[in-house]
Amino acid sequence: RVLSAANDRERGVLFIAFAAEELGLLGSGFYVNNPNRPLDKAVAMINLDMIGRLRDNKVFVGGGGTGTIFKALLEDVKARHSITLDTTEQGGYGSSDHTSFTTKQIPVLFFFSGLHSDYHRPSDTWDKINAQGAAELVNLIGDLSLKLVNGAERPKYVQVVDPRPAGGAMGGGSGYGAYFGSVPDFAEVPNGFRFADVRPGSPAAKAGLKPQDILFEFDGKSIANLYDFTYALRAKKPGETVAVKVRRGADVVEASVLLETRK
C-alpha cells in the first residue's frame, strides 16, 4: 500500500514470495535463471526474511556493502524512524533468498529480526508475532524502497568478501562442520552440480575453483547433484584436504581443497 500510494514512480517494483521450503534457495535460484524481467534492469533486491519477531526495537540489515549508495540511504531512513538498524556491510551471501541475486551481481539488502527459541518448532505460533513492530519496520522499508524507486542514482554492485557463514543454505556447505565456500546454482545439470559463485577467500576459491564450474567428484566419490555434495561434505572435518574434480567448459580440472572451520 505504501508503494501503491506513491504517484509518478520512476521505476517499477516486483514483489516475489518464494516458497517456504527448506531444501535450499530453490525458488529464488529458479527465478534468477528464469526472470520475467531482465536482471540487468534490476536496481536492487530487498529481502524480508523473518521480520515478525522484532525485539528491543532493533532489526539486522545485511548487504549494506553490496550497493554503492546503500550506506547513505540507510542512514537517511534511520534518522526518520524509531527502529534501530543494526547494519553490516557484509551479508551479500547467506542462507536466504538474497544470495541468489548476489550471485547475479545485483545489490541486495536483507532485513531480519533475529533467530529465537521457537525457530523451526511448532511453538512458533502467530500470537508471538510483534505486529506493531513489523508494521513500523515495513513502513521504514517502504520509505527506503521509494528512494530506490525514484532516486536519480542507482546503486552499483560491489563484491563484498563475507566472513565464513554460520550455516544455512545447502552447498557451501550448510549447517556446522567443514567449510567449503561454494554457492550452489539450483538449476539442474547432468552428472554434477554447478557453482553459481565461489566466495572470495574461501577454501574453494583458494583451490582455484570458479563460478560456473560443475563439480562431479569429491574425495573420490561421484557427485550427481547438490544433495550428493552436501552429504559428502558433512562427512568431512575442518583441516582435511579433499581432492575434487570439476568440469570447466570442455576441460576437466582437478584441485585439492583444504577445508576450514566454520565460524
Protein backbone atom coordinates (compact mmCIF):
# COMPACT_ATOMS: atom_id res chain seq x y z
CA ARG A 1 0.00 0.00 0.00
CA VAL A 2 2.90 2.35 0.72
CA LEU A 3 4.25 1.95 -2.79
CA SER A 4 0.82 1.97 -4.44
CA ALA A 5 0.07 5.35 -2.90
CA ALA A 6 3.17 6.86 -4.47
CA ASN A 7 2.41 8.64 -7.73
CA ASP A 8 4.78 9.10 -10.67
CA ARG A 9 7.12 6.26 -9.80
CA GLU A 10 10.30 6.34 -11.86
CA ARG A 11 10.84 2.57 -11.62
CA GLY A 12 8.64 -0.46 -11.21
CA VAL A 13 8.51 -2.74 -8.18
CA LEU A 14 8.27 -6.52 -8.47
CA PHE A 15 7.02 -8.43 -5.41
CA ILE A 16 8.03 -12.10 -5.18
CA ALA A 17 7.00 -14.60 -2.49
CA PHE A 18 9.31 -17.60 -2.57
CA ALA A 19 8.04 -20.90 -1.17
CA ALA A 20 8.86 -21.67 2.46
CA GLU A 21 10.60 -24.93 1.58
CA GLU A 22 13.71 -26.00 3.47
CA LEU A 23 15.69 -27.69 0.71
CA GLY A 24 17.60 -24.57 -0.17
CA LEU A 25 17.08 -21.45 -2.27
CA LEU A 26 15.06 -23.27 -4.91
CA GLY A 27 12.54 -20.54 -5.71
CA SER A 28 14.94 -17.62 -5.90
CA GLY A 29 17.51 -19.79 -7.67
CA PHE A 30 14.93 -20.65 -10.31
CA TYR A 31 13.84 -17.04 -10.70
CA VAL A 32 17.28 -15.57 -11.33
CA ASN A 33 17.82 -18.17 -14.04
CA ASN A 34 14.32 -17.64 -15.50
CA PRO A 35 13.45 -13.99 -14.76
CA ASN A 36 10.29 -12.37 -16.11
CA ARG A 37 12.12 -9.03 -16.16
CA PRO A 38 15.70 -8.51 -17.41
CA LEU A 39 18.08 -8.85 -14.48
CA ASP A 40 20.38 -6.15 -15.85
CA LYS A 41 17.49 -3.72 -15.26
CA ALA A 42 17.19 -4.71 -11.59
CA VAL A 43 18.22 -1.84 -9.32
CA ALA A 44 18.24 -3.80 -6.07
CA MET A 45 16.71 -6.76 -4.25
CA ILE A 46 15.29 -6.21 -0.75
CA ASN A 47 14.79 -9.45 1.17
CA LEU A 48 12.38 -9.59 4.12
CA ASP A 49 13.01 -12.88 5.91
CA MET A 50 11.65 -13.39 9.43
CA ILE A 51 10.73 -9.82 10.34
CA GLY A 52 7.80 -10.66 12.63
CA ARG A 53 9.60 -11.11 15.95
CA LEU A 54 11.19 -7.67 16.38
CA ARG A 55 12.86 -7.36 19.81
CA ASP A 56 14.23 -4.26 21.54
CA ASN A 57 13.03 -2.25 18.54
CA LYS A 58 16.06 -3.44 16.56
CA VAL A 59 16.45 -5.18 13.20
CA PHE A 60 19.53 -6.63 11.49
CA VAL A 61 20.25 -5.31 7.99
CA GLY A 62 22.75 -7.22 5.88
CA GLY A 63 24.16 -6.46 2.47
CA GLY A 64 24.88 -2.79 3.11
CA GLY A 65 28.19 -3.02 1.31
CA THR A 66 26.79 -4.59 -1.86
CA GLY A 67 25.43 -1.30 -3.22
CA THR A 68 27.41 1.93 -3.57
CA ILE A 69 24.68 4.17 -2.12
CA PHE A 70 23.17 1.83 0.47
CA LYS A 71 25.03 3.25 3.47
CA ALA A 72 23.77 6.77 2.81
CA LEU A 73 20.21 5.56 2.14
CA LEU A 74 20.11 3.55 5.35
CA GLU A 75 21.44 6.47 7.38
CA ASP A 76 18.76 8.71 5.87
CA VAL A 77 15.78 6.46 6.62
CA LYS A 78 17.15 5.55 10.06
CA ALA A 79 17.04 9.20 11.06
CA ARG A 80 13.31 9.39 10.34
CA HIS A 81 12.13 6.16 12.00
CA SER A 82 12.24 4.87 15.56
CA ILE A 83 13.64 1.42 14.72
CA THR A 84 17.34 0.82 15.33
CA LEU A 85 19.15 -0.60 12.30
CA ASP A 86 21.98 -2.99 13.12
CA THR A 87 23.75 -2.73 9.79
CA THR A 88 26.66 -4.61 8.31
CA GLU A 89 28.42 -4.14 5.02
CA GLN A 90 28.64 -7.88 4.67
CA GLY A 91 25.63 -10.10 4.13
CA GLY A 92 25.55 -10.43 0.36
CA TYR A 93 25.67 -14.17 0.88
CA GLY A 94 23.80 -16.21 3.43
CA SER A 95 21.05 -18.71 3.98
CA SER A 96 18.24 -16.65 2.49
CA ASP A 97 16.99 -15.73 -0.96
CA HIS A 98 19.07 -12.59 -1.44
CA THR A 99 22.04 -14.91 -2.05
CA SER A 100 20.63 -15.94 -5.42
CA PHE A 101 20.59 -12.30 -6.52
CA THR A 102 24.08 -11.65 -5.17
CA THR A 103 25.41 -14.35 -7.48
CA LYS A 104 23.98 -12.32 -10.39
CA GLN A 105 25.73 -9.15 -9.13
CA ILE A 106 22.55 -7.40 -8.04
CA PRO A 107 22.83 -5.18 -4.92
CA VAL A 108 20.89 -6.66 -2.00
CA LEU A 109 19.59 -5.66 1.42
CA PHE A 110 18.47 -8.31 3.91
CA PHE A 111 16.15 -7.41 6.80
CA PHE A 112 15.96 -9.93 9.64
CA SER A 113 14.56 -9.60 13.16
CA GLY A 114 16.69 -12.45 14.50
CA LEU A 115 16.53 -16.09 15.50
CA HIS A 116 14.55 -17.22 18.54
CA SER A 117 13.95 -20.35 20.59
CA ASP A 118 10.80 -21.21 18.60
CA TYR A 119 12.65 -21.31 15.26
CA HIS A 120 11.59 -24.38 13.24
CA ARG A 121 9.37 -25.57 16.09
CA PRO A 122 5.59 -26.00 16.44
CA SER A 123 5.79 -23.43 19.24
CA ASP A 124 6.38 -20.67 16.66
CA THR A 125 2.75 -19.55 16.81
CA TRP A 126 1.01 -16.46 15.46
CA ASP A 127 0.42 -14.90 18.87
CA LYS A 128 4.17 -14.32 19.29
CA ILE A 129 4.35 -12.02 16.28
CA ASN A 130 5.18 -8.41 17.11
CA ALA A 131 2.62 -6.94 14.74
CA GLN A 132 3.22 -3.32 15.69
CA GLY A 133 6.98 -3.71 15.31
CA ALA A 134 6.58 -5.44 11.95
CA ALA A 135 4.27 -2.67 10.73
CA GLU A 136 6.76 0.01 11.75
CA LEU A 137 9.54 -1.89 10.02
CA VAL A 138 7.52 -2.26 6.83
CA ASN A 139 6.93 1.50 6.81
CA LEU A 140 10.68 2.04 7.08
CA ILE A 141 11.35 -0.42 4.26
CA GLY A 142 8.65 1.25 2.18
CA ASP A 143 10.40 4.58 2.68
CA LEU A 144 13.72 3.04 1.65
CA SER A 145 12.13 1.37 -1.37
CA LEU A 146 10.68 4.65 -2.62
CA LYS A 147 14.14 6.19 -2.53
CA LEU A 148 15.40 3.36 -4.73
CA VAL A 149 12.36 3.65 -7.00
CA ASN A 150 12.68 7.40 -7.57
CA GLY A 151 16.35 8.10 -6.92
CA ALA A 152 18.39 9.62 -9.72
CA GLU A 153 21.36 7.42 -8.82
CA ARG A 154 21.02 3.66 -8.84
CA PRO A 155 23.31 1.57 -6.62
CA LYS A 156 26.22 -0.11 -8.36
CA TYR A 157 27.05 -3.65 -7.29
CA VAL A 158 30.09 -4.11 -5.05
CA GLN A 159 31.52 -7.55 -4.33
CA VAL A 160 31.98 -7.91 -0.58
CA VAL A 161 34.23 -10.52 1.00
CA ASP A 162 31.97 -12.05 3.65
CA PRO A 163 33.21 -13.78 6.76
CA ARG A 164 32.53 -17.50 6.82
CA PRO A 165 28.81 -18.03 7.34
CA ALA A 166 27.42 -19.75 10.39
CA GLY A 167 25.22 -22.04 8.40
CA GLY A 168 22.18 -22.06 6.16
CA ALA A 169 21.70 -22.93 2.52
CA MET A 170 22.91 -26.18 1.15
CA GLY A 171 26.11 -26.35 -0.78
CA GLY A 172 28.69 -24.17 0.91
CA GLY A 173 28.15 -26.42 2.90
CA SER A 174 25.29 -25.87 5.27
CA GLY A 175 24.95 -26.29 8.98
CA TYR A 176 28.02 -26.98 11.09
CA GLY A 177 31.31 -28.66 10.31
CA ALA A 178 33.72 -28.20 7.44
CA TYR A 179 33.54 -25.08 5.30
CA PHE A 180 33.97 -25.32 1.51
CA GLY A 181 32.80 -21.96 0.17
CA SER A 182 30.73 -22.55 -2.94
CA VAL A 183 27.32 -21.04 -3.67
CA PRO A 184 25.12 -23.57 -5.48
CA ASP A 185 23.28 -22.97 -8.72
CA PHE A 186 19.97 -24.75 -8.18
CA ALA A 187 19.35 -25.31 -11.89
CA GLU A 188 19.83 -28.99 -12.64
CA VAL A 189 22.79 -30.10 -14.73
CA PRO A 190 23.58 -33.67 -15.76
CA ASN A 191 26.07 -35.55 -13.57
CA GLY A 192 27.15 -32.89 -11.13
CA PHE A 193 26.19 -29.54 -9.67
CA ARG A 194 27.21 -26.09 -10.80
CA PHE A 195 28.67 -23.31 -8.66
CA ALA A 196 26.66 -20.11 -9.07
CA ASP A 197 29.52 -18.40 -7.29
CA VAL A 198 32.61 -19.09 -5.17
CA ARG A 199 33.03 -16.96 -2.05
CA PRO A 200 36.20 -14.84 -2.17
CA GLY A 201 38.83 -16.10 0.26
CA SER A 202 37.05 -19.42 0.81
CA PRO A 203 38.74 -22.86 0.61
CA ALA A 204 37.16 -23.38 -2.81
CA ALA A 205 38.48 -20.04 -4.08
CA LYS A 206 41.96 -20.71 -2.68
CA ALA A 207 41.98 -24.01 -4.58
CA GLY A 208 41.28 -22.18 -7.84
CA LEU A 209 37.64 -23.19 -8.27
CA LYS A 210 35.49 -20.70 -10.17
CA PRO A 211 31.85 -19.74 -10.70
CA GLN A 212 30.13 -21.96 -13.29
CA ASP A 213 32.45 -24.89 -12.54
CA ILE A 214 30.48 -28.16 -12.36
CA LEU A 215 31.60 -30.40 -9.50
CA PHE A 216 31.31 -34.10 -10.35
CA GLU A 217 33.76 -35.77 -7.97
CA PHE A 218 34.52 -35.06 -4.29
CA ASP A 219 37.02 -37.08 -2.26
CA GLY A 220 36.84 -39.93 -4.76
CA LYS A 221 33.03 -40.05 -4.68
CA SER A 222 30.86 -39.34 -7.71
CA ILE A 223 28.68 -36.26 -7.27
CA ALA A 224 25.49 -36.39 -9.33
CA ASN A 225 23.73 -33.42 -7.74
CA LEU A 226 23.76 -30.90 -4.91
CA TYR A 227 22.45 -33.41 -2.41
CA ASP A 228 25.33 -35.82 -3.04
CA PHE A 229 27.78 -32.99 -2.37
CA THR A 230 26.01 -31.83 0.78
CA TYR A 231 26.11 -35.30 2.33
CA ALA A 232 29.73 -35.85 1.25
CA LEU A 233 30.83 -32.55 2.79
CA ARG A 234 29.02 -33.24 6.05
CA ALA A 235 31.14 -36.38 6.45
CA LYS A 236 34.37 -34.34 6.42
CA LYS A 237 36.10 -32.34 9.15
CA PRO A 238 37.88 -28.98 9.15
CA GLY A 239 41.56 -29.37 8.34
CA GLU A 240 41.05 -32.27 5.94
CA THR A 241 42.19 -31.92 2.34
CA VAL A 242 39.89 -33.34 -0.30
CA ALA A 243 40.52 -33.95 -3.99
CA VAL A 244 37.82 -32.60 -6.28
CA LYS A 245 37.15 -32.70 -9.99
CA VAL A 246 35.14 -30.12 -11.88
CA ARG A 247 34.11 -29.57 -15.47
CA ARG A 248 35.08 -26.13 -16.72
CA GLY A 249 33.73 -25.78 -20.21
CA ALA A 250 35.18 -28.67 -22.19
CA ASP A 251 38.00 -29.25 -19.69
CA VAL A 252 38.26 -31.33 -16.53
CA VAL A 253 40.08 -29.53 -13.71
CA GLU A 254 41.43 -31.30 -10.62
CA ALA A 255 42.08 -29.45 -7.36
CA SER A 256 42.88 -30.08 -3.71
CA VAL A 257 40.71 -28.18 -1.24
CA LEU A 258 41.79 -27.64 2.36
CA LEU A 259 38.54 -27.48 4.33
CA GLU A 260 38.34 -24.85 7.04
CA THR A 261 36.48 -24.37 10.29
CA ARG A 262 33.08 -22.78 10.05
CA LYS A 263 32.71 -19.69 12.22
